[in-house]
Amino acid sequence: MSETLIKIRGLKFSRGDRVIFDNVDMDIPRTGITAIMGPSGTGKTTLLKLIGGQLTPDAGTIEVDGQNVHQLKTRALYALRKRMGMLFQSGALLTDLSVFENVAYPIREHTKLNESMVRQLVLLKLNAVGLRGAMDLSPAELSGGMARRVAMARAIALDPMMIMYDEPFTGQDPISMGVLVKLIKSLNDALNVCSIVVSHDVYETMSIANYVYIISAGTVVEHGAPDEIRNSHSEWTKQFMEGLADGPVPFHFDAPPLLDDLFAGSGKRRA
C-alpha cells in the first residue's frame, strides 16, 4: 500500500480570468496531519472541494487512494466520499435536528445498522469529542466551539480514512481553540488517519502539523516539516509566518494608477 493517500499532479483551476491553481503538485501522506496554509482567498477551501470531487480541475489529476477522482462515475465517487470526513468552516449542522440526530444522520443514510447500533456509535463519537452530555441539545443551544466539536463527531461517524478540516479555528475563543487543537491531534492519533487542516492560523496549525504546504498566487510557495518552514529563508514564507505588513505580498490589490481612476469618471485628462 502506498504511503501517499492523495497525489496531485499538474493541477490547474481558474474562476473566470482569475487563476486559483497553476500547475500545482502535492503528495499528502496516508497518516498524520498535513496543513495547507496561506492567506485568505488563495484557494485553500477550493482545494478541498477539488479533492472531494465537488469541483473539476481545468487540467491535471487528483488521485485519492489510487483513484482518479474526476474520472469516477457517480456511484464510485459517492462510495469514495463516504470514506472522507469533512468539517466545514461553519460547522454546517442541521438546525432542525438535535446533536444526537446530527451525528446519527450519516450513519443512518449510508448504513443499514439497527437503531441500537446507531445509538451506540453516536454516543461513542460524541464521547470522543467530550459532548455525550449534550446529545439532546439543539444546534442553537451550542457555543461556537461546541458546534465545531459536534461537527467533528459527525465527520468521524463513518470511520473515514481521511478527515478534511476547513478553517477549524476561525472565530473561536482561546479556550475553544485550544480544545479543537487538542481534539484534532488526539483524533488523528487514535484513528491513525490522514488529516488535512486548511488554515491561516499559524501558531495553532503549526503546533500539530506533521507536514506543511504554503500556497499563494496559484502555486506552492514552500513545503516541508514545521521546523523547515519556521527556519525558511523565503521572504514570502517569513512574511506569512510572522504576520509582517511589508514583504512580497503587496498591501494594494492590483489596480491602475490612482489618478487614472480618479479622473476616469470625470472625463478629464491629466496634463
C-alpha atoms as a PDB file:
ATOM      1  CA  MET A   1       0.000   0.000   0.000  1.00  0.00           C
ATOM      2  CA  SER A   2       1.353   3.407  -0.980  1.00  0.00           C
ATOM      3  CA  GLU A   3       2.296   5.779   1.837  1.00  0.00           C
ATOM      4  CA  THR A   4       0.738   8.586  -0.227  1.00  0.00           C
ATOM      5  CA  LEU A   5      -3.051   8.817   0.054  1.00  0.00           C
ATOM      6  CA  ILE A   6      -3.595  11.898  -2.145  1.00  0.00           C
ATOM      7  CA  LYS A   7      -1.464  12.586  -5.209  1.00  0.00           C
ATOM      8  CA  ILE A   8      -1.989  15.873  -7.055  1.00  0.00           C
ATOM      9  CA  ARG A   9      -0.175  16.478 -10.330  1.00  0.00           C
ATOM     10  CA  GLY A  10      -0.249  19.492 -12.648  1.00  0.00           C
ATOM     11  CA  LEU A  11      -3.407  20.903 -11.067  1.00  0.00           C
ATOM     12  CA  LYS A  12      -4.822  23.920 -12.854  1.00  0.00           C
ATOM     13  CA  PHE A  13      -8.052  25.631 -11.881  1.00  0.00           C
ATOM     14  CA  SER A  14      -9.474  29.074 -12.614  1.00  0.00           C
ATOM     15  CA  ARG A  15     -12.621  31.039 -11.848  1.00  0.00           C
ATOM     16  CA  GLY A  16     -13.202  33.199 -14.878  1.00  0.00           C
ATOM     17  CA  ASP A  17      -9.981  35.097 -15.557  1.00  0.00           C
ATOM     18  CA  ARG A  18      -8.665  34.516 -12.048  1.00  0.00           C
ATOM     19  CA  VAL A  19      -6.129  31.693 -11.756  1.00  0.00           C
ATOM     20  CA  ILE A  20      -6.553  29.772  -8.479  1.00  0.00           C
ATOM     21  CA  PHE A  21      -4.054  26.949  -9.101  1.00  0.00           C
ATOM     22  CA  ASP A  22      -1.358  26.916 -11.761  1.00  0.00           C
ATOM     23  CA  ASN A  23       0.417  23.578 -12.228  1.00  0.00           C
ATOM     24  CA  VAL A  24       0.351  22.535  -8.556  1.00  0.00           C
ATOM     25  CA  ASP A  25       1.851  19.241  -7.343  1.00  0.00           C
ATOM     26  CA  MET A  26       1.244  17.801  -3.867  1.00  0.00           C
ATOM     27  CA  ASP A  27       1.675  14.479  -2.063  1.00  0.00           C
ATOM     28  CA  ILE A  28      -0.398  14.023   1.088  1.00  0.00           C
ATOM     29  CA  PRO A  29       0.518  11.021   3.245  1.00  0.00           C
ATOM     30  CA  ARG A  30      -1.876   8.295   4.349  1.00  0.00           C
ATOM     31  CA  THR A  31      -1.444   9.128   8.030  1.00  0.00           C
ATOM     32  CA  GLY A  32      -0.583  12.223  10.033  1.00  0.00           C
ATOM     33  CA  ILE A  33      -1.688  15.858   9.866  1.00  0.00           C
ATOM     34  CA  THR A  34      -0.940  17.806   6.704  1.00  0.00           C
ATOM     35  CA  ALA A  35      -1.504  21.557   6.880  1.00  0.00           C
ATOM     36  CA  ILE A  36      -2.465  23.630   3.845  1.00  0.00           C
ATOM     37  CA  MET A  37      -1.719  27.232   4.740  1.00  0.00           C
ATOM     38  CA  GLY A  38      -1.767  30.606   3.056  1.00  0.00           C
ATOM     39  CA  PRO A  39      -3.529  33.976   3.113  1.00  0.00           C
ATOM     40  CA  SER A  40      -7.291  34.242   2.755  1.00  0.00           C
ATOM     41  CA  GLY A  41      -8.503  33.903  -0.815  1.00  0.00           C
ATOM     42  CA  THR A  42      -5.645  31.711  -2.044  1.00  0.00           C
ATOM     43  CA  GLY A  43      -7.839  28.695  -2.809  1.00  0.00           C
ATOM     44  CA  LYS A  44      -7.393  26.527   0.292  1.00  0.00           C
ATOM     45  CA  THR A  45     -11.089  25.650   0.577  1.00  0.00           C
ATOM     46  CA  THR A  46     -11.259  25.263  -3.201  1.00  0.00           C
ATOM     47  CA  LEU A  47      -8.532  22.621  -2.944  1.00  0.00           C
ATOM     48  CA  LEU A  48     -10.680  20.578  -0.541  1.00  0.00           C
ATOM     49  CA  LYS A  49     -13.603  20.782  -2.964  1.00  0.00           C
ATOM     50  CA  LEU A  50     -11.362  19.584  -5.794  1.00  0.00           C
ATOM     51  CA  ILE A  51     -10.156  16.657  -3.692  1.00  0.00           C
ATOM     52  CA  GLY A  52     -13.745  15.745  -2.849  1.00  0.00           C
ATOM     53  CA  GLY A  53     -14.886  15.995  -6.464  1.00  0.00           C
ATOM     54  CA  GLN A  54     -17.292  18.901  -5.943  1.00  0.00           C
ATOM     55  CA  LEU A  55     -15.228  20.899  -8.432  1.00  0.00           C
ATOM     56  CA  THR A  56     -13.476  19.751 -11.603  1.00  0.00           C
ATOM     57  CA  PRO A  57      -9.948  20.938 -12.457  1.00  0.00           C
ATOM     58  CA  ASP A  58      -9.176  22.628 -15.757  1.00  0.00           C
ATOM     59  CA  ALA A  59      -6.131  20.375 -16.106  1.00  0.00           C
ATOM     60  CA  GLY A  60      -4.103  17.911 -14.080  1.00  0.00           C
ATOM     61  CA  THR A  61      -5.105  14.965 -11.900  1.00  0.00           C
ATOM     62  CA  ILE A  62      -6.095  14.289  -8.308  1.00  0.00           C
ATOM     63  CA  GLU A  63      -5.810  10.699  -7.102  1.00  0.00           C
ATOM     64  CA  VAL A  64      -7.230   9.611  -3.750  1.00  0.00           C
ATOM     65  CA  ASP A  65      -6.224   6.127  -2.614  1.00  0.00           C
ATOM     66  CA  GLY A  66      -5.189   5.315  -6.182  1.00  0.00           C
ATOM     67  CA  GLN A  67      -8.441   6.508  -7.779  1.00  0.00           C
ATOM     68  CA  ASN A  68      -8.572   9.445 -10.177  1.00  0.00           C
ATOM     69  CA  VAL A  69     -11.358  11.444  -8.519  1.00  0.00           C
ATOM     70  CA  HIS A  70     -12.557  13.221 -11.635  1.00  0.00           C
ATOM     71  CA  GLN A  71     -12.767  10.095 -13.779  1.00  0.00           C
ATOM     72  CA  LEU A  72     -15.046   8.256 -11.362  1.00  0.00           C
ATOM     73  CA  LYS A  73     -18.675   7.668 -12.207  1.00  0.00           C
ATOM     74  CA  THR A  74     -21.288   8.946  -9.779  1.00  0.00           C
ATOM     75  CA  ARG A  75     -21.717   5.744  -7.776  1.00  0.00           C
ATOM     76  CA  ALA A  76     -17.953   5.242  -7.365  1.00  0.00           C
ATOM     77  CA  LEU A  77     -17.456   8.906  -6.423  1.00  0.00           C
ATOM     78  CA  TYR A  78     -20.126   8.667  -3.728  1.00  0.00           C
ATOM     79  CA  ALA A  79     -18.508   5.479  -2.399  1.00  0.00           C
ATOM     80  CA  LEU A  80     -15.177   7.305  -2.173  1.00  0.00           C
ATOM     81  CA  ARG A  81     -16.762  10.295  -0.447  1.00  0.00           C
ATOM     82  CA  LYS A  82     -18.156   8.023   2.271  1.00  0.00           C
ATOM     83  CA  ARG A  83     -14.530   7.375   3.215  1.00  0.00           C
ATOM     84  CA  MET A  84     -13.885  11.113   3.604  1.00  0.00           C
ATOM     85  CA  GLY A  85     -14.877  13.087   6.688  1.00  0.00           C
ATOM     86  CA  MET A  86     -15.391  16.834   6.365  1.00  0.00           C
ATOM     87  CA  LEU A  87     -15.509  19.570   8.978  1.00  0.00           C
ATOM     88  CA  PHE A  88     -16.972  22.634   7.279  1.00  0.00           C
ATOM     89  CA  GLN A  89     -15.851  26.120   8.269  1.00  0.00           C
ATOM     90  CA  SER A  90     -19.351  26.975   9.506  1.00  0.00           C
ATOM     91  CA  GLY A  91     -19.892  23.591  11.156  1.00  0.00           C
ATOM     92  CA  ALA A  92     -22.930  23.128   8.863  1.00  0.00           C
ATOM     93  CA  LEU A  93     -25.054  21.388  11.488  1.00  0.00           C
ATOM     94  CA  LEU A  94     -28.657  20.701  10.555  1.00  0.00           C
ATOM     95  CA  THR A  95     -30.525  23.247  12.652  1.00  0.00           C
ATOM     96  CA  ASP A  96     -33.781  21.261  12.944  1.00  0.00           C
ATOM     97  CA  LEU A  97     -32.047  18.184  14.370  1.00  0.00           C
ATOM     98  CA  SER A  98     -30.619  17.590  17.821  1.00  0.00           C
ATOM     99  CA  VAL A  99     -26.916  16.996  18.425  1.00  0.00           C
ATOM    100  CA  PHE A 100     -27.582  13.245  18.567  1.00  0.00           C
ATOM    101  CA  GLU A 101     -29.544  13.278  15.309  1.00  0.00           C
ATOM    102  CA  ASN A 102     -26.888  15.350  13.523  1.00  0.00           C
ATOM    103  CA  VAL A 103     -24.258  12.713  14.240  1.00  0.00           C
ATOM    104  CA  ALA A 104     -26.660   9.844  13.545  1.00  0.00           C
ATOM    105  CA  TYR A 105     -27.670  11.254  10.156  1.00  0.00           C
ATOM    106  CA  PRO A 106     -24.728   9.985   8.030  1.00  0.00           C
ATOM    107  CA  ILE A 107     -24.811   6.610   9.788  1.00  0.00           C
ATOM    108  CA  ARG A 108     -28.496   6.145   9.004  1.00  0.00           C
ATOM    109  CA  GLU A 109     -28.026   7.488   5.478  1.00  0.00           C
ATOM    110  CA  HIS A 110     -25.136   5.228   4.479  1.00  0.00           C
ATOM    111  CA  THR A 111     -25.502   2.059   6.556  1.00  0.00           C
ATOM    112  CA  LYS A 112     -28.200  -0.480   7.406  1.00  0.00           C
ATOM    113  CA  LEU A 113     -27.379  -0.719  11.097  1.00  0.00           C
ATOM    114  CA  ASN A 114     -30.230  -1.164  13.551  1.00  0.00           C
ATOM    115  CA  GLU A 115     -31.137   1.665  15.914  1.00  0.00           C
ATOM    116  CA  SER A 116     -29.374   0.068  18.867  1.00  0.00           C
ATOM    117  CA  MET A 117     -26.071   0.054  16.956  1.00  0.00           C
ATOM    118  CA  VAL A 118     -26.668   3.584  15.660  1.00  0.00           C
ATOM    119  CA  ARG A 119     -27.194   4.802  19.212  1.00  0.00           C
ATOM    120  CA  GLN A 120     -24.008   3.139  20.457  1.00  0.00           C
ATOM    121  CA  LEU A 121     -21.934   4.565  17.617  1.00  0.00           C
ATOM    122  CA  VAL A 122     -23.310   8.094  18.083  1.00  0.00           C
ATOM    123  CA  LEU A 123     -22.624   8.022  21.813  1.00  0.00           C
ATOM    124  CA  LEU A 124     -19.066   6.808  21.197  1.00  0.00           C
ATOM    125  CA  LYS A 125     -18.409   9.592  18.676  1.00  0.00           C
ATOM    126  CA  LEU A 126     -19.900  12.259  20.938  1.00  0.00           C
ATOM    127  CA  ASN A 127     -17.918  10.922  23.880  1.00  0.00           C
ATOM    128  CA  ALA A 128     -14.730  11.205  21.808  1.00  0.00           C
ATOM    129  CA  VAL A 129     -15.310  14.961  21.456  1.00  0.00           C
ATOM    130  CA  GLY A 130     -16.499  15.395  25.050  1.00  0.00           C
ATOM    131  CA  LEU A 131     -20.144  16.150  24.247  1.00  0.00           C
ATOM    132  CA  ARG A 132     -22.087  12.995  25.067  1.00  0.00           C
ATOM    133  CA  GLY A 133     -23.914  15.017  27.725  1.00  0.00           C
ATOM    134  CA  ALA A 134     -25.099  17.497  25.081  1.00  0.00           C
ATOM    135  CA  MET A 135     -26.739  14.916  22.820  1.00  0.00           C
ATOM    136  CA  ASP A 136     -30.278  16.265  23.347  1.00  0.00           C
ATOM    137  CA  LEU A 137     -29.406  19.910  22.748  1.00  0.00           C
ATOM    138  CA  SER A 138     -30.237  21.724  19.530  1.00  0.00           C
ATOM    139  CA  PRO A 139     -27.514  23.472  17.487  1.00  0.00           C
ATOM    140  CA  ALA A 140     -28.949  26.838  18.618  1.00  0.00           C
ATOM    141  CA  GLU A 141     -28.109  25.944  22.217  1.00  0.00           C
ATOM    142  CA  LEU A 142     -24.422  25.288  21.454  1.00  0.00           C
ATOM    143  CA  SER A 143     -21.500  27.667  21.670  1.00  0.00           C
ATOM    144  CA  GLY A 144     -19.355  28.089  18.574  1.00  0.00           C
ATOM    145  CA  GLY A 145     -16.707  25.746  19.933  1.00  0.00           C
ATOM    146  CA  MET A 146     -19.247  23.094  20.895  1.00  0.00           C
ATOM    147  CA  ALA A 147     -20.816  23.261  17.430  1.00  0.00           C
ATOM    148  CA  ARG A 148     -17.418  22.595  15.848  1.00  0.00           C
ATOM    149  CA  ARG A 149     -16.918  19.610  18.148  1.00  0.00           C
ATOM    150  CA  VAL A 150     -20.311  18.159  17.196  1.00  0.00           C
ATOM    151  CA  ALA A 151     -19.352  18.652  13.560  1.00  0.00           C
ATOM    152  CA  MET A 152     -16.132  16.732  14.290  1.00  0.00           C
ATOM    153  CA  ALA A 153     -18.141  13.872  15.776  1.00  0.00           C
ATOM    154  CA  ARG A 154     -20.254  13.799  12.623  1.00  0.00           C
ATOM    155  CA  ALA A 155     -17.134  13.894  10.432  1.00  0.00           C
ATOM    156  CA  ILE A 156     -15.816  10.701  12.050  1.00  0.00           C
ATOM    157  CA  ALA A 157     -19.211   8.971  12.207  1.00  0.00           C
ATOM    158  CA  LEU A 158     -18.385   6.553   9.362  1.00  0.00           C
ATOM    159  CA  ASP A 159     -14.775   5.937  10.443  1.00  0.00           C
ATOM    160  CA  PRO A 160     -13.264   7.660   7.372  1.00  0.00           C
ATOM    161  CA  MET A 161      -9.754   7.121   6.019  1.00  0.00           C
ATOM    162  CA  MET A 162      -9.264  10.905   5.881  1.00  0.00           C
ATOM    163  CA  ILE A 163     -10.692  13.997   7.563  1.00  0.00           C
ATOM    164  CA  MET A 164     -10.629  17.444   5.964  1.00  0.00           C
ATOM    165  CA  TYR A 165     -10.823  20.456   8.286  1.00  0.00           C
ATOM    166  CA  ASP A 166     -11.784  23.752   6.644  1.00  0.00           C
ATOM    167  CA  GLU A 167     -10.560  26.650   8.830  1.00  0.00           C
ATOM    168  CA  PRO A 168     -11.420  24.859  12.088  1.00  0.00           C
ATOM    169  CA  PHE A 169     -10.086  27.629  14.361  1.00  0.00           C
ATOM    170  CA  THR A 170     -11.792  30.646  12.787  1.00  0.00           C
ATOM    171  CA  GLY A 171     -13.866  32.699  15.217  1.00  0.00           C
ATOM    172  CA  GLN A 172     -13.006  30.633  18.295  1.00  0.00           C
ATOM    173  CA  ASP A 173     -12.072  31.973  21.721  1.00  0.00           C
ATOM    174  CA  PRO A 174      -8.679  30.866  23.115  1.00  0.00           C
ATOM    175  CA  ILE A 175     -10.122  28.025  25.225  1.00  0.00           C
ATOM    176  CA  SER A 176     -12.275  26.642  22.403  1.00  0.00           C
ATOM    177  CA  MET A 177      -9.331  26.931  20.035  1.00  0.00           C
ATOM    178  CA  GLY A 178      -7.120  25.002  22.440  1.00  0.00           C
ATOM    179  CA  VAL A 179      -9.755  22.271  22.760  1.00  0.00           C
ATOM    180  CA  LEU A 180     -10.071  21.967  18.968  1.00  0.00           C
ATOM    181  CA  VAL A 181      -6.296  21.794  18.506  1.00  0.00           C
ATOM    182  CA  LYS A 182      -6.079  19.008  21.084  1.00  0.00           C
ATOM    183  CA  LEU A 183      -9.033  17.141  19.560  1.00  0.00           C
ATOM    184  CA  ILE A 184      -7.677  17.217  16.007  1.00  0.00           C
ATOM    185  CA  LYS A 185      -4.377  15.831  17.250  1.00  0.00           C
ATOM    186  CA  SER A 186      -5.875  13.194  19.547  1.00  0.00           C
ATOM    187  CA  LEU A 187      -8.426  12.005  16.960  1.00  0.00           C
ATOM    188  CA  ASN A 188      -5.738  11.724  14.299  1.00  0.00           C
ATOM    189  CA  ASP A 189      -3.516   9.691  16.617  1.00  0.00           C
ATOM    190  CA  ALA A 190      -6.365   7.449  17.792  1.00  0.00           C
ATOM    191  CA  LEU A 191      -7.811   6.803  14.337  1.00  0.00           C
ATOM    192  CA  ASN A 192      -4.430   6.736  12.522  1.00  0.00           C
ATOM    193  CA  VAL A 193      -5.901   8.529   9.522  1.00  0.00           C
ATOM    194  CA  CYS A 194      -4.973  11.288   7.084  1.00  0.00           C
ATOM    195  CA  SER A 195      -5.979  14.709   8.395  1.00  0.00           C
ATOM    196  CA  ILE A 196      -5.852  17.791   6.173  1.00  0.00           C
ATOM    197  CA  VAL A 197      -6.085  21.079   8.038  1.00  0.00           C
ATOM    198  CA  VAL A 198      -6.740  24.140   5.898  1.00  0.00           C
ATOM    199  CA  SER A 199      -5.979  27.262   7.902  1.00  0.00           C
ATOM    200  CA  HIS A 200      -4.282  30.641   8.129  1.00  0.00           C
ATOM    201  CA  ASP A 201      -3.953  30.373  11.917  1.00  0.00           C
ATOM    202  CA  VAL A 202      -0.204  29.904  12.084  1.00  0.00           C
ATOM    203  CA  TYR A 203       0.523  29.056  15.718  1.00  0.00           C
ATOM    204  CA  GLU A 204      -2.298  26.557  16.244  1.00  0.00           C
ATOM    205  CA  THR A 205      -1.796  24.754  12.943  1.00  0.00           C
ATOM    206  CA  MET A 206       1.978  24.540  13.196  1.00  0.00           C
ATOM    207  CA  SER A 207       1.706  23.077  16.708  1.00  0.00           C
ATOM    208  CA  ILE A 208       0.042  19.886  15.426  1.00  0.00           C
ATOM    209  CA  ALA A 209       1.100  19.573  11.772  1.00  0.00           C
ATOM    210  CA  ASN A 210       3.447  16.831  10.599  1.00  0.00           C
ATOM    211  CA  TYR A 211       3.908  18.422   7.175  1.00  0.00           C
ATOM    212  CA  VAL A 212       3.054  21.851   5.777  1.00  0.00           C
ATOM    213  CA  TYR A 213       2.235  23.232   2.336  1.00  0.00           C
ATOM    214  CA  ILE A 214       2.112  27.004   1.925  1.00  0.00           C
ATOM    215  CA  ILE A 215       0.245  28.229  -1.137  1.00  0.00           C
ATOM    216  CA  SER A 216      -0.182  31.651  -2.706  1.00  0.00           C
ATOM    217  CA  ALA A 217      -0.840  33.156  -6.132  1.00  0.00           C
ATOM    218  CA  GLY A 218      -1.745  29.770  -7.592  1.00  0.00           C
ATOM    219  CA  THR A 219       1.421  27.932  -6.628  1.00  0.00           C
ATOM    220  CA  VAL A 220       3.046  26.055  -3.762  1.00  0.00           C
ATOM    221  CA  VAL A 221       5.399  28.628  -2.277  1.00  0.00           C
ATOM    222  CA  GLU A 222       7.092  26.180   0.081  1.00  0.00           C
ATOM    223  CA  HIS A 223       6.548  22.814   1.722  1.00  0.00           C
ATOM    224  CA  GLY A 224       8.257  20.772   4.398  1.00  0.00           C
ATOM    225  CA  ALA A 225       8.237  19.785   8.047  1.00  0.00           C
ATOM    226  CA  PRO A 226       7.171  22.519  10.512  1.00  0.00           C
ATOM    227  CA  ASP A 227      10.762  23.215  11.612  1.00  0.00           C
ATOM    228  CA  GLU A 228      11.841  23.642   7.981  1.00  0.00           C
ATOM    229  CA  ILE A 229       9.049  26.147   7.416  1.00  0.00           C
ATOM    230  CA  ARG A 230       9.871  28.063  10.610  1.00  0.00           C
ATOM    231  CA  ASN A 231      13.524  28.349   9.540  1.00  0.00           C
ATOM    232  CA  SER A 232      12.766  29.200   5.920  1.00  0.00           C
ATOM    233  CA  HIS A 233      14.866  31.788   4.091  1.00  0.00           C
ATOM    234  CA  SER A 234      11.950  32.648   1.777  1.00  0.00           C
ATOM    235  CA  GLU A 235      10.850  36.267   2.249  1.00  0.00           C
ATOM    236  CA  TRP A 236       7.290  35.303   1.351  1.00  0.00           C
ATOM    237  CA  THR A 237       7.195  32.494   3.922  1.00  0.00           C
ATOM    238  CA  LYS A 238       8.676  34.762   6.598  1.00  0.00           C
ATOM    239  CA  GLN A 239       6.075  37.436   5.886  1.00  0.00           C
ATOM    240  CA  PHE A 240       3.206  34.965   6.229  1.00  0.00           C
ATOM    241  CA  MET A 241       4.541  33.088   9.254  1.00  0.00           C
ATOM    242  CA  GLU A 242       5.418  36.256  11.182  1.00  0.00           C
ATOM    243  CA  GLY A 243       2.416  38.313  10.068  1.00  0.00           C
ATOM    244  CA  LEU A 244       4.526  41.111   8.629  1.00  0.00           C
ATOM    245  CA  ALA A 245       2.781  44.007   6.887  1.00  0.00           C
ATOM    246  CA  ASP A 246       5.683  44.615   4.488  1.00  0.00           C
ATOM    247  CA  GLY A 247       7.037  41.973   2.162  1.00  0.00           C
ATOM    248  CA  PRO A 248       6.419  40.215  -1.162  1.00  0.00           C
ATOM    249  CA  VAL A 249       2.649  40.198  -0.593  1.00  0.00           C
ATOM    250  CA  PRO A 250       1.556  43.734  -1.549  1.00  0.00           C
ATOM    251  CA  PHE A 251      -0.753  45.901   0.538  1.00  0.00           C
ATOM    252  CA  HIS A 252      -2.661  47.141  -2.530  1.00  0.00           C
ATOM    253  CA  PHE A 253      -4.682  44.856  -4.778  1.00  0.00           C
ATOM    254  CA  ASP A 254      -3.522  45.187  -8.383  1.00  0.00           C
ATOM    255  CA  ALA A 255      -5.091  48.323  -9.893  1.00  0.00           C
ATOM    256  CA  PRO A 256      -4.398  51.144 -12.373  1.00  0.00           C
ATOM    257  CA  PRO A 257      -2.627  54.272 -11.056  1.00  0.00           C
ATOM    258  CA  LEU A 258      -4.849  56.152  -8.603  1.00  0.00           C
ATOM    259  CA  LEU A 259      -5.005  59.369 -10.654  1.00  0.00           C
ATOM    260  CA  ASP A 260      -6.116  57.409 -13.725  1.00  0.00           C
ATOM    261  CA  ASP A 261      -9.043  56.025 -11.749  1.00  0.00           C
ATOM    262  CA  LEU A 262      -9.880  59.373 -10.107  1.00  0.00           C
ATOM    263  CA  PHE A 263     -10.118  61.195 -13.430  1.00  0.00           C
ATOM    264  CA  ALA A 264     -11.686  58.330 -15.389  1.00  0.00           C
ATOM    265  CA  GLY A 265     -15.226  59.205 -14.275  1.00  0.00           C
ATOM    266  CA  SER A 266     -14.898  62.936 -14.804  1.00  0.00           C
ATOM    267  CA  GLY A 267     -13.962  62.885 -18.469  1.00  0.00           C
ATOM    268  CA  LYS A 268     -10.870  64.960 -17.650  1.00  0.00           C
ATOM    269  CA  ARG A 269      -7.382  64.064 -18.742  1.00  0.00           C
ATOM    270  CA  ARG A 270      -4.250  64.628 -16.793  1.00  0.00           C
ATOM    271  CA  ALA A 271      -1.772  67.017 -18.380  1.00  0.00           C
END
